C-alpha atoms as a PDB file:
ATOM      1  CA  MET A   1    -121.495 -40.057 -88.083  1.00  0.00           C
ATOM      2  CA  ASN A   2    -121.036 -37.770 -91.095  1.00  0.00           C
ATOM      3  CA  LYS A   3    -119.548 -35.075 -88.840  1.00  0.00           C
ATOM      4  CA  LEU A   4    -116.562 -37.344 -88.148  1.00  0.00           C
ATOM      5  CA  LEU A   5    -115.500 -37.213 -91.794  1.00  0.00           C
ATOM      6  CA  ASN A   6    -113.994 -34.277 -93.664  1.00  0.00           C
ATOM      7  CA  VAL A   7    -112.748 -35.493 -97.019  1.00  0.00           C
ATOM      8  CA  SER A   8    -110.276 -33.288 -98.883  1.00  0.00           C
ATOM      9  CA  SER A   9    -107.312 -33.694-101.189  1.00  0.00           C
ATOM     10  CA  SER A  10    -103.770 -33.569 -99.849  1.00  0.00           C
ATOM     11  CA  PRO A  11    -101.786 -31.764 -98.614  1.00  0.00           C
ATOM     12  CA  HIS A  12    -103.828 -31.399 -95.434  1.00  0.00           C
ATOM     13  CA  ALA A  13    -101.339 -29.158 -93.612  1.00  0.00           C
ATOM     14  CA  ARG A  14    -100.341 -25.959 -95.384  1.00  0.00           C
ATOM     15  CA  ASN A  15     -98.251 -22.888 -94.622  1.00  0.00           C
ATOM     16  CA  ASN A  16     -96.646 -20.030 -96.495  1.00  0.00           C
ATOM     17  CA  VAL A  17     -93.035 -21.252 -96.164  1.00  0.00           C
ATOM     18  CA  LEU A  18     -91.405 -21.724 -99.569  1.00  0.00           C
ATOM     19  CA  THR A  19     -88.383 -23.792-100.528  1.00  0.00           C
ATOM     20  CA  GLN A  20     -86.625 -20.562-101.406  1.00  0.00           C
ATOM     21  CA  ASN A  21     -87.147 -19.227 -97.859  1.00  0.00           C
ATOM     22  CA  LEU A  22     -85.771 -22.412 -96.273  1.00  0.00           C
ATOM     23  CA  MET A  23     -82.738 -22.523 -98.544  1.00  0.00           C
ATOM     24  CA  LEU A  24     -82.016 -18.851 -97.883  1.00  0.00           C
ATOM     25  CA  ASP A  25     -82.081 -19.472 -94.135  1.00  0.00           C
ATOM     26  CA  VAL A  26     -79.680 -22.406 -94.485  1.00  0.00           C
ATOM     27  CA  ALA A  27     -77.349 -20.277 -96.626  1.00  0.00           C
ATOM     28  CA  ILE A  28     -77.467 -17.462 -94.050  1.00  0.00           C
ATOM     29  CA  ALA A  29     -76.682 -19.956 -91.269  1.00  0.00           C
ATOM     30  CA  MET A  30     -73.523 -21.026 -93.094  1.00  0.00           C
ATOM     31  CA  ILE A  31     -72.214 -17.462 -93.424  1.00  0.00           C
ATOM     32  CA  PRO A  32     -70.381 -17.430 -90.036  1.00  0.00           C
ATOM     33  CA  ALA A  33     -68.470 -20.621 -90.905  1.00  0.00           C
ATOM     34  CA  SER A  34     -67.777 -19.288 -94.405  1.00  0.00           C
ATOM     35  CA  VAL A  35     -66.495 -15.942 -93.125  1.00  0.00           C
ATOM     36  CA  TYR A  36     -64.253 -17.612 -90.575  1.00  0.00           C
ATOM     37  CA  GLY A  37     -62.951 -20.057 -93.164  1.00  0.00           C
ATOM     38  CA  VAL A  38     -62.005 -17.203 -95.498  1.00  0.00           C
ATOM     39  CA  TYR A  39     -60.487 -15.252 -92.594  1.00  0.00           C
ATOM     40  CA  GLN A  40     -58.306 -18.197 -91.590  1.00  0.00           C
ATOM     41  CA  PHE A  41     -57.375 -19.674 -94.958  1.00  0.00           C
ATOM     42  CA  GLY A  42     -57.389 -16.571 -97.149  1.00  0.00           C
ATOM     43  CA  LEU A  43     -58.743 -15.697-100.591  1.00  0.00           C
ATOM     44  CA  LYS A  44     -58.162 -19.229-101.914  1.00  0.00           C
ATOM     45  CA  ALA A  45     -60.949 -20.402 -99.602  1.00  0.00           C
ATOM     46  CA  LEU A  46     -63.250 -17.704-100.979  1.00  0.00           C
ATOM     47  CA  CYS A  47     -62.408 -18.785-104.526  1.00  0.00           C
ATOM     48  CA  ILE A  48     -63.273 -22.398-103.691  1.00  0.00           C
ATOM     49  CA  LEU A  49     -66.644 -21.374-102.270  1.00  0.00           C
ATOM     50  CA  LEU A  50     -67.401 -19.239-105.336  1.00  0.00           C
ATOM     51  CA  VAL A  51     -66.377 -22.044-107.677  1.00  0.00           C
ATOM     52  CA  THR A  52     -68.532 -24.700-105.975  1.00  0.00           C
ATOM     53  CA  VAL A  53     -71.566 -22.405-105.853  1.00  0.00           C
ATOM     54  CA  ALA A  54     -71.105 -21.331-109.469  1.00  0.00           C
ATOM     55  CA  GLY A  55     -70.572 -24.929-110.550  1.00  0.00           C
ATOM     56  CA  ALA A  56     -73.726 -26.110-108.789  1.00  0.00           C
ATOM     57  CA  VAL A  57     -75.967 -23.310-110.072  1.00  0.00           C
ATOM     58  CA  LEU A  58     -74.563 -23.513-113.619  1.00  0.00           C
ATOM     59  CA  SER A  59     -74.898 -27.309-113.741  1.00  0.00           C
ATOM     60  CA  GLU A  60     -78.532 -27.135-112.670  1.00  0.00           C
ATOM     61  CA  TYR A  61     -79.339 -24.402-115.177  1.00  0.00           C
ATOM     62  CA  VAL A  62     -77.620 -26.129-118.116  1.00  0.00           C
ATOM     63  CA  TYR A  63     -79.070 -29.567-117.356  1.00  0.00           C
ATOM     64  CA  GLU A  64     -82.626 -28.306-116.950  1.00  0.00           C
ATOM     65  CA  SER A  65     -82.317 -26.196-120.090  1.00  0.00           C
ATOM     66  CA  LEU A  66     -81.070 -29.119-122.176  1.00  0.00           C
ATOM     67  CA  MET A  67     -83.741 -31.469-120.791  1.00  0.00           C
ATOM     68  CA  GLY A  68     -86.540 -28.962-121.340  1.00  0.00           C
ATOM     69  CA  LYS A  69     -87.394 -28.858-117.646  1.00  0.00           C
ATOM     70  CA  PRO A  70     -88.510 -25.840-115.615  1.00  0.00           C
ATOM     71  CA  ILE A  71     -85.525 -23.818-114.429  1.00  0.00           C
ATOM     72  CA  THR A  72     -85.306 -24.127-110.630  1.00  0.00           C
ATOM     73  CA  VAL A  73     -82.025 -22.380-109.806  1.00  0.00           C
ATOM     74  CA  MET A  74     -83.916 -19.604-108.005  1.00  0.00           C
ATOM     75  CA  ASP A  75     -85.180 -21.982-105.314  1.00  0.00           C
ATOM     76  CA  GLY A  76     -81.753 -21.797-103.686  1.00  0.00           C
ATOM     77  CA  SER A  77     -81.147 -25.539-103.390  1.00  0.00           C
ATOM     78  CA  ALA A  78     -78.193 -25.480-105.797  1.00  0.00           C
ATOM     79  CA  LEU A  79     -76.732 -22.534-103.883  1.00  0.00           C
ATOM     80  CA  VAL A  80     -76.914 -24.497-100.619  1.00  0.00           C
ATOM     81  CA  THR A  81     -75.411 -27.603-102.237  1.00  0.00           C
ATOM     82  CA  GLY A  82     -72.532 -25.538-103.583  1.00  0.00           C
ATOM     83  CA  MET A  83     -71.902 -23.882-100.216  1.00  0.00           C
ATOM     84  CA  ILE A  84     -71.931 -27.174 -98.304  1.00  0.00           C
ATOM     85  CA  LEU A  85     -69.557 -28.776-100.789  1.00  0.00           C
ATOM     86  CA  GLY A  86     -67.239 -25.770-100.724  1.00  0.00           C
ATOM     87  CA  LEU A  87     -67.118 -25.754 -96.934  1.00  0.00           C
ATOM     88  CA  ASN A  88     -66.149 -29.437 -97.058  1.00  0.00           C
ATOM     89  CA  MET A  89     -63.095 -28.733 -99.235  1.00  0.00           C
ATOM     90  CA  PRO A  90     -59.458 -28.413 -98.111  1.00  0.00           C
ATOM     91  CA  PRO A  91     -58.310 -24.789 -98.527  1.00  0.00           C
ATOM     92  CA  GLU A  92     -55.413 -25.640-100.869  1.00  0.00           C
ATOM     93  CA  ILE A  93     -57.216 -27.909-103.323  1.00  0.00           C
ATOM     94  CA  PRO A  94     -56.998 -27.081-107.072  1.00  0.00           C
ATOM     95  CA  LEU A  95     -60.142 -25.235-108.136  1.00  0.00           C
ATOM     96  CA  TRP A  96     -61.099 -27.668-110.897  1.00  0.00           C
ATOM     97  CA  ILE A  97     -61.637 -30.494-108.396  1.00  0.00           C
ATOM     98  CA  PRO A  98     -64.416 -28.815-106.354  1.00  0.00           C
ATOM     99  CA  PHE A  99     -65.937 -27.590-109.635  1.00  0.00           C
ATOM    100  CA  LEU A 100     -66.082 -31.205-110.818  1.00  0.00           C
ATOM    101  CA  GLY A 101     -67.620 -32.127-107.488  1.00  0.00           C
ATOM    102  CA  SER A 102     -70.403 -29.575-107.982  1.00  0.00           C
ATOM    103  CA  ILE A 103     -71.243 -31.039-111.384  1.00  0.00           C
ATOM    104  CA  PHE A 104     -71.375 -34.542-109.881  1.00  0.00           C
ATOM    105  CA  ALA A 105     -73.574 -33.386-106.987  1.00  0.00           C
ATOM    106  CA  ILE A 106     -76.154 -31.650-109.150  1.00  0.00           C
ATOM    107  CA  ILE A 107     -76.336 -33.820-112.250  1.00  0.00           C
ATOM    108  CA  VAL A 108     -75.505 -37.336-111.036  1.00  0.00           C
ATOM    109  CA  VAL A 109     -76.967 -37.277-107.522  1.00  0.00           C
ATOM    110  CA  LYS A 110     -79.789 -34.746-107.855  1.00  0.00           C
ATOM    111  CA  GLN A 111     -81.067 -34.158-111.383  1.00  0.00           C
ATOM    112  CA  ILE A 112     -80.808 -37.686-112.814  1.00  0.00           C
ATOM    113  CA  TYR A 113     -83.076 -38.888-110.022  1.00  0.00           C
ATOM    114  CA  GLY A 114     -85.698 -36.222-110.662  1.00  0.00           C
ATOM    115  CA  GLY A 115     -84.414 -33.021-109.095  1.00  0.00           C
ATOM    116  CA  LEU A 116     -85.087 -31.515-105.690  1.00  0.00           C
ATOM    117  CA  GLY A 117     -87.034 -33.870-103.463  1.00  0.00           C
ATOM    118  CA  GLN A 118     -86.142 -37.012-105.400  1.00  0.00           C
ATOM    119  CA  ASN A 119     -82.455 -37.518-104.579  1.00  0.00           C
ATOM    120  CA  PHE A 120     -81.758 -40.500-102.323  1.00  0.00           C
ATOM    121  CA  MET A 121     -78.701 -39.046-100.568  1.00  0.00           C
ATOM    122  CA  ASN A 122     -77.262 -35.644 -99.768  1.00  0.00           C
ATOM    123  CA  PRO A 123     -75.801 -34.357-103.069  1.00  0.00           C
ATOM    124  CA  ALA A 124     -72.964 -32.355-101.506  1.00  0.00           C
ATOM    125  CA  LEU A 125     -71.808 -35.239 -99.312  1.00  0.00           C
ATOM    126  CA  ALA A 126     -72.111 -37.738-102.147  1.00  0.00           C
ATOM    127  CA  ALA A 127     -69.899 -35.444-104.212  1.00  0.00           C
ATOM    128  CA  ARG A 128     -67.403 -35.130-101.372  1.00  0.00           C
ATOM    129  CA  CYS A 129     -67.160 -38.910-101.040  1.00  0.00           C
ATOM    130  CA  PHE A 130     -66.728 -39.141-104.818  1.00  0.00           C
ATOM    131  CA  LEU A 131     -63.845 -36.667-104.612  1.00  0.00           C
ATOM    132  CA  LEU A 132     -62.322 -38.450-101.600  1.00  0.00           C
ATOM    133  CA  ILE A 133     -62.198 -41.677-103.573  1.00  0.00           C
ATOM    134  CA  SER A 134     -61.036 -40.077-106.831  1.00  0.00           C
ATOM    135  CA  PHE A 135     -58.536 -37.515-105.489  1.00  0.00           C
ATOM    136  CA  ALA A 136     -57.453 -38.885-102.119  1.00  0.00           C
ATOM    137  CA  ASN A 137     -54.155 -36.988-101.913  1.00  0.00           C
ATOM    138  CA  GLN A 138     -55.589 -33.586-102.764  1.00  0.00           C
ATOM    139  CA  MET A 139     -58.611 -34.102-100.487  1.00  0.00           C
ATOM    140  CA  SER A 140     -56.459 -35.027 -97.490  1.00  0.00           C
ATOM    141  CA  ALA A 141     -53.819 -32.270 -97.749  1.00  0.00           C
ATOM    142  CA  PHE A 142     -54.348 -29.602 -95.090  1.00  0.00           C
ATOM    143  CA  LYS A 143     -52.389 -26.444 -94.324  1.00  0.00           C
ATOM    144  CA  LEU A 144     -52.572 -23.749 -91.679  1.00  0.00           C
ATOM    145  CA  ASP A 145     -50.599 -20.522 -92.139  1.00  0.00           C
ATOM    146  CA  GLY A 146     -48.867 -22.107 -95.122  1.00  0.00           C
ATOM    147  CA  VAL A 147     -47.608 -25.084 -93.114  1.00  0.00           C
ATOM    148  CA  SER A 148     -48.836 -28.614 -93.802  1.00  0.00           C
ATOM    149  CA  GLY A 149     -50.025 -30.477 -90.732  1.00  0.00           C
ATOM    150  CA  ALA A 150     -52.213 -33.266 -89.468  1.00  0.00           C
ATOM    151  CA  THR A 151     -55.756 -32.535 -88.411  1.00  0.00           C
ATOM    152  CA  PRO A 152     -56.624 -32.967 -84.709  1.00  0.00           C
ATOM    153  CA  LEU A 153     -58.554 -36.143 -85.505  1.00  0.00           C
ATOM    154  CA  SER A 154     -55.479 -37.627 -87.176  1.00  0.00           C
ATOM    155  CA  VAL A 155     -53.438 -36.743 -84.102  1.00  0.00           C
ATOM    156  CA  LEU A 156     -56.019 -38.429 -81.870  1.00  0.00           C
ATOM    157  CA  LYS A 157     -56.059 -41.454 -84.170  1.00  0.00           C
ATOM    158  CA  ASN A 158     -52.310 -41.836 -83.680  1.00  0.00           C
ATOM    159  CA  GLY A 159     -52.541 -41.523 -79.905  1.00  0.00           C
ATOM    160  CA  GLY A 160     -51.494 -37.882 -79.590  1.00  0.00           C
ATOM    161  CA  SER A 161     -53.029 -35.035 -77.609  1.00  0.00           C
ATOM    162  CA  VAL A 162     -54.822 -31.996 -79.022  1.00  0.00           C
ATOM    163  CA  ASP A 163     -55.776 -28.481 -77.938  1.00  0.00           C
ATOM    164  CA  VAL A 164     -59.552 -28.572 -77.499  1.00  0.00           C
ATOM    165  CA  ALA A 165     -59.756 -24.798 -77.023  1.00  0.00           C
ATOM    166  CA  ALA A 166     -58.065 -24.227 -80.385  1.00  0.00           C
ATOM    167  CA  MET A 167     -60.478 -26.711 -81.967  1.00  0.00           C
ATOM    168  CA  PHE A 168     -63.454 -24.861 -80.492  1.00  0.00           C
ATOM    169  CA  VAL A 169     -62.248 -21.493 -81.790  1.00  0.00           C
ATOM    170  CA  GLY A 170     -60.931 -22.827 -85.098  1.00  0.00           C
ATOM    171  CA  ARG A 171     -57.155 -22.388 -85.085  1.00  0.00           C
ATOM    172  CA  ILE A 172     -56.566 -25.825 -86.560  1.00  0.00           C
ATOM    173  CA  PRO A 173     -56.010 -27.335 -90.014  1.00  0.00           C
ATOM    174  CA  GLY A 174     -59.046 -28.826 -91.696  1.00  0.00           C
ATOM    175  CA  THR A 175     -61.649 -28.146 -94.339  1.00  0.00           C
ATOM    176  CA  ILE A 176     -62.840 -24.586 -94.864  1.00  0.00           C
ATOM    177  CA  GLY A 177     -66.103 -24.867 -92.951  1.00  0.00           C
ATOM    178  CA  GLU A 178     -65.497 -27.467 -90.268  1.00  0.00           C
ATOM    179  CA  VAL A 179     -62.720 -25.875 -88.214  1.00  0.00           C
ATOM    180  CA  SER A 180     -64.611 -23.343 -86.054  1.00  0.00           C
ATOM    181  CA  VAL A 181     -67.142 -24.890 -83.686  1.00  0.00           C
ATOM    182  CA  ILE A 182     -68.193 -21.426 -82.514  1.00  0.00           C
ATOM    183  CA  ALA A 183     -69.066 -20.282 -86.026  1.00  0.00           C
ATOM    184  CA  LEU A 184     -70.988 -23.478 -86.733  1.00  0.00           C
ATOM    185  CA  LEU A 185     -72.963 -23.244 -83.481  1.00  0.00           C
ATOM    186  CA  ILE A 186     -73.949 -19.658 -84.291  1.00  0.00           C
ATOM    187  CA  GLY A 187     -75.423 -20.907 -87.560  1.00  0.00           C
ATOM    188  CA  ALA A 188     -77.040 -23.878 -85.812  1.00  0.00           C
ATOM    189  CA  VAL A 189     -78.759 -21.601 -83.286  1.00  0.00           C
ATOM    190  CA  TYR A 190     -80.083 -19.493 -86.159  1.00  0.00           C
ATOM    191  CA  LEU A 191     -81.601 -22.573 -87.829  1.00  0.00           C
ATOM    192  CA  LEU A 192     -83.181 -23.722 -84.574  1.00  0.00           C
ATOM    193  CA  VAL A 193     -84.587 -20.294 -83.718  1.00  0.00           C
ATOM    194  CA  LYS A 194     -86.027 -19.937 -87.225  1.00  0.00           C
ATOM    195  CA  LYS A 195     -87.423 -23.495 -86.856  1.00  0.00           C
ATOM    196  CA  VAL A 196     -85.800 -24.545 -90.099  1.00  0.00           C
ATOM    197  CA  ILE A 197     -84.530 -27.698 -88.390  1.00  0.00           C
ATOM    198  CA  SER A 198     -85.528 -29.731 -85.342  1.00  0.00           C
ATOM    199  CA  ILE A 199     -83.113 -30.532 -82.530  1.00  0.00           C
ATOM    200  CA  ARG A 200     -83.998 -34.260 -82.672  1.00  0.00           C
ATOM    201  CA  ILE A 201     -81.461 -35.406 -85.272  1.00  0.00           C
ATOM    202  CA  PRO A 202     -78.490 -33.280 -84.093  1.00  0.00           C
ATOM    203  CA  ALA A 203     -79.096 -34.126 -80.427  1.00  0.00           C
ATOM    204  CA  ALA A 204     -79.517 -37.859 -81.059  1.00  0.00           C
ATOM    205  CA  TYR A 205     -76.452 -37.801 -83.312  1.00  0.00           C
ATOM    206  CA  LEU A 206     -74.128 -35.991 -80.920  1.00  0.00           C
ATOM    207  CA  ILE A 207     -75.281 -37.808 -77.764  1.00  0.00           C
ATOM    208  CA  SER A 208     -75.112 -41.292 -79.284  1.00  0.00           C
ATOM    209  CA  PHE A 209     -71.701 -40.519 -80.780  1.00  0.00           C
ATOM    210  CA  ALA A 210     -70.371 -39.221 -77.452  1.00  0.00           C
ATOM    211  CA  VAL A 211     -71.625 -42.325 -75.632  1.00  0.00           C
ATOM    212  CA  PHE A 212     -70.097 -44.609 -78.272  1.00  0.00           C
ATOM    213  CA  VAL A 213     -66.703 -42.885 -78.099  1.00  0.00           C
ATOM    214  CA  PHE A 214     -66.745 -42.928 -74.282  1.00  0.00           C
ATOM    215  CA  ILE A 215     -67.507 -46.662 -74.181  1.00  0.00           C
ATOM    216  CA  PHE A 216     -65.313 -47.909 -77.013  1.00  0.00           C
ATOM    217  CA  GLY A 217     -62.645 -45.195 -77.084  1.00  0.00           C
ATOM    218  CA  GLN A 218     -61.222 -43.646 -73.955  1.00  0.00           C
ATOM    219  CA  HIS A 219     -63.166 -43.139 -70.721  1.00  0.00           C
ATOM    220  CA  ASP A 220     -62.030 -39.541 -70.679  1.00  0.00           C
ATOM    221  CA  PRO A 221     -64.406 -36.565 -71.079  1.00  0.00           C
ATOM    222  CA  ALA A 222     -61.617 -34.480 -72.657  1.00  0.00           C
ATOM    223  CA  TYR A 223     -61.088 -37.168 -75.306  1.00  0.00           C
ATOM    224  CA  VAL A 224     -64.806 -37.294 -76.051  1.00  0.00           C
ATOM    225  CA  LEU A 225     -64.998 -33.483 -76.231  1.00  0.00           C
ATOM    226  CA  ALA A 226     -62.092 -33.426 -78.676  1.00  0.00           C
ATOM    227  CA  HIS A 227     -63.934 -35.871 -80.933  1.00  0.00           C
ATOM    228  CA  LEU A 228     -67.100 -33.775 -80.711  1.00  0.00           C
ATOM    229  CA  CYS A 229     -65.215 -30.616 -81.734  1.00  0.00           C
ATOM    230  CA  GLY A 230     -63.073 -32.311 -84.374  1.00  0.00           C
ATOM    231  CA  GLY A 231     -63.736 -32.959 -88.036  1.00  0.00           C
ATOM    232  CA  GLY A 232     -67.098 -32.372 -89.640  1.00  0.00           C
ATOM    233  CA  LEU A 233     -69.264 -33.645 -86.778  1.00  0.00           C
ATOM    234  CA  ILE A 234     -70.907 -30.352 -85.764  1.00  0.00           C
ATOM    235  CA  PHE A 235     -71.211 -29.261 -89.386  1.00  0.00           C
ATOM    236  CA  GLY A 236     -72.717 -32.598 -90.362  1.00  0.00           C
ATOM    237  CA  ALA A 237     -75.087 -32.836 -87.410  1.00  0.00           C
ATOM    238  CA  PHE A 238     -76.769 -29.477 -87.946  1.00  0.00           C
ATOM    239  CA  PHE A 239     -76.364 -28.721 -91.648  1.00  0.00           C
ATOM    240  CA  MET A 240     -76.224 -32.048 -93.518  1.00  0.00           C
ATOM    241  CA  ALA A 241     -77.932 -34.737 -91.462  1.00  0.00           C
ATOM    242  CA  THR A 242     -80.995 -32.470 -91.191  1.00  0.00           C
ATOM    243  CA  ASP A 243     -81.513 -32.221 -94.949  1.00  0.00           C
ATOM    244  CA  TYR A 244     -85.269 -32.379 -95.545  1.00  0.00           C
ATOM    245  CA  VAL A 245     -85.079 -34.674 -98.555  1.00  0.00           C
ATOM    246  CA  THR A 246     -82.721 -37.311 -97.181  1.00  0.00           C
ATOM    247  CA  SER A 247     -83.721 -37.485 -93.499  1.00  0.00           C
ATOM    248  CA  PRO A 248     -86.807 -39.086 -91.900  1.00  0.00           C
ATOM    249  CA  ILE A 249     -89.968 -37.062 -91.416  1.00  0.00           C
ATOM    250  CA  THR A 250     -91.316 -39.087 -88.472  1.00  0.00           C
ATOM    251  CA  PRO A 251     -90.243 -37.851 -84.993  1.00  0.00           C
ATOM    252  CA  ASN A 252     -89.169 -41.305 -83.782  1.00  0.00           C
ATOM    253  CA  GLY A 253     -87.499 -41.902 -87.129  1.00  0.00           C
ATOM    254  CA  GLN A 254     -85.418 -38.747 -86.711  1.00  0.00           C
ATOM    255  CA  ILE A 255     -84.186 -39.940 -83.323  1.00  0.00           C
ATOM    256  CA  LEU A 256     -83.384 -43.396 -84.686  1.00  0.00           C
ATOM    257  CA  PHE A 257     -81.644 -41.772 -87.664  1.00  0.00           C
ATOM    258  CA  GLY A 258     -79.504 -39.671 -85.331  1.00  0.00           C
ATOM    259  CA  ILE A 259     -78.535 -42.686 -83.235  1.00  0.00           C
ATOM    260  CA  LEU A 260     -77.566 -44.608 -86.367  1.00  0.00           C
ATOM    261  CA  LEU A 261     -75.403 -41.674 -87.462  1.00  0.00           C
ATOM    262  CA  GLY A 262     -73.685 -41.545 -84.093  1.00  0.00           C
ATOM    263  CA  VAL A 263     -72.896 -45.260 -84.069  1.00  0.00           C
ATOM    264  CA  LEU A 264     -71.632 -45.311 -87.657  1.00  0.00           C
ATOM    265  CA  THR A 265     -69.461 -42.237 -87.156  1.00  0.00           C
ATOM    266  CA  GLY A 266     -68.004 -43.777 -84.008  1.00  0.00           C
ATOM    267  CA  LEU A 267     -67.276 -47.020 -85.841  1.00  0.00           C
ATOM    268  CA  PHE A 268     -65.560 -45.251 -88.728  1.00  0.00           C
ATOM    269  CA  ARG A 269     -63.480 -42.985 -86.482  1.00  0.00           C
ATOM    270  CA  LEU A 270     -62.374 -45.504 -83.871  1.00  0.00           C
ATOM    271  CA  PHE A 271     -62.094 -48.702 -85.911  1.00  0.00           C
ATOM    272  CA  GLY A 272     -61.787 -47.529 -89.521  1.00  0.00           C
ATOM    273  CA  GLY A 273     -58.708 -46.625 -91.468  1.00  0.00           C
ATOM    274  CA  SER A 274     -59.613 -42.925 -91.688  1.00  0.00           C
ATOM    275  CA  ALA A 275     -59.725 -40.433 -88.831  1.00  0.00           C
ATOM    276  CA  GLU A 276     -63.021 -38.977 -90.104  1.00  0.00           C
ATOM    277  CA  GLY A 277     -66.316 -40.658 -90.909  1.00  0.00           C
ATOM    278  CA  VAL A 278     -69.143 -38.132 -90.889  1.00  0.00           C
ATOM    279  CA  SER A 279     -69.691 -38.002 -94.654  1.00  0.00           C
ATOM    280  CA  TYR A 280     -69.846 -41.771 -95.092  1.00  0.00           C
ATOM    281  CA  ALA A 281     -72.068 -42.171 -92.029  1.00  0.00           C
ATOM    282  CA  ILE A 282     -74.594 -39.675 -93.371  1.00  0.00           C
ATOM    283  CA  ILE A 283     -74.856 -41.021 -96.922  1.00  0.00           C
ATOM    284  CA  ILE A 284     -75.130 -44.633 -95.689  1.00  0.00           C
ATOM    285  CA  SER A 285     -77.869 -43.585 -93.268  1.00  0.00           C
ATOM    286  CA  ASN A 286     -79.582 -41.675 -96.101  1.00  0.00           C
ATOM    287  CA  LEU A 287     -80.000 -45.003 -97.915  1.00  0.00           C
ATOM    288  CA  LEU A 288     -81.761 -46.478 -94.883  1.00  0.00           C
ATOM    289  CA  VAL A 289     -84.259 -43.630 -94.447  1.00  0.00           C
ATOM    290  CA  PRO A 290     -87.141 -45.441 -96.254  1.00  0.00           C
ATOM    291  CA  LEU A 291     -86.767 -48.413 -93.880  1.00  0.00           C
ATOM    292  CA  ILE A 292     -86.533 -46.122 -90.853  1.00  0.00           C
ATOM    293  CA  GLU A 293     -89.696 -44.274 -91.854  1.00  0.00           C
ATOM    294  CA  LYS A 294     -91.538 -47.519 -92.488  1.00  0.00           C
ATOM    295  CA  ALA A 295     -90.588 -48.845 -89.052  1.00  0.00           C
ATOM    296  CA  THR A 296     -91.476 -45.611 -87.227  1.00  0.00           C
ATOM    297  CA  LEU A 297     -94.629 -44.593 -89.098  1.00  0.00           C
ATOM    298  CA  PRO A 298     -97.253 -43.547 -86.514  1.00  0.00           C
ATOM    299  CA  VAL A 299    -100.546 -45.400 -86.377  1.00  0.00           C
ATOM    300  CA  ALA A 300    -103.188 -43.459 -88.306  1.00  0.00           C
ATOM    301  CA  PHE A 301    -105.710 -41.638 -86.145  1.00  0.00           C
ATOM    302  CA  GLY A 302    -109.310 -42.576 -86.815  1.00  0.00           C
ATOM    303  CA  LYS A 303    -112.286 -44.640 -85.845  1.00  0.00           C
ATOM    304  CA  GLU A 304    -112.523 -48.267 -86.845  1.00  0.00           C
ATOM    305  CA  GLY A 305    -115.792 -50.175 -86.862  1.00  0.00           C
ATOM    306  CA  LYS A 306    -116.158 -53.674 -85.526  1.00  0.00           C
ATOM    307  CA  LYS A 307    -115.388 -56.410 -87.972  1.00  0.00           C
ATOM    308  CA  ALA A 308    -118.054 -59.035 -88.592  1.00  0.00           C
END
């Protein structure tokens, strides 16, 4: 009987992967989208990315210094938050707005709740939603080659047709990091090959969203494909919904989480006032993660004696 028991303190599963390694891989995976965004939108896009990264890292350093906490800027989490927020910005936005967003992401959403591992929603997306509410005009102004224009999702929302090939390559107006599906998929493949993320959440997200749009939108594969390539869906599915802190850890929970994301995004896009919906879908689903994990927690393995 004693051989069945091996008592030890947690954690019971260990490896040599550090937070810094994971964050570095995520940052590397976002380089293709960042490079393409700068190529398409110019040096202003590069300045926005530098400002959001600098704002995130500086906010974390200053806050932890003032609070007498260990300085954690070298773990790379602030870098990743800054990059994600920057890639979610319109290329013509005034620089002080994304800088303010970085401060909100790090201090209000992350540090006040205890720092890395304690935040209840994705800091970068929470900051983006904060900026969308506070600076709606600046956050919804998009230009391509100096000409203002509607995003493909806005065109679809108004019943127009779009060029799916241009959406896949990235020759469309939009935020800095969401426009090129090719660049995002290159980064996604890198994350999957390096086993930084699992395919469960992205696959459940994209499939459930496609089914929802096909049923409640138009029964047209081209229309569904346009929705899949448009907006921040690919970026959100692989880079934001898979955040370790704010996504479920149980396998079934990850699938359920992805399905919830797909349904919410479909609801927001097809029936909401805005053409987009990825950011709101993810942060709302983040709030439900504790319930999802509780409902999908596997039964503990062990041996139970007969009760008297």
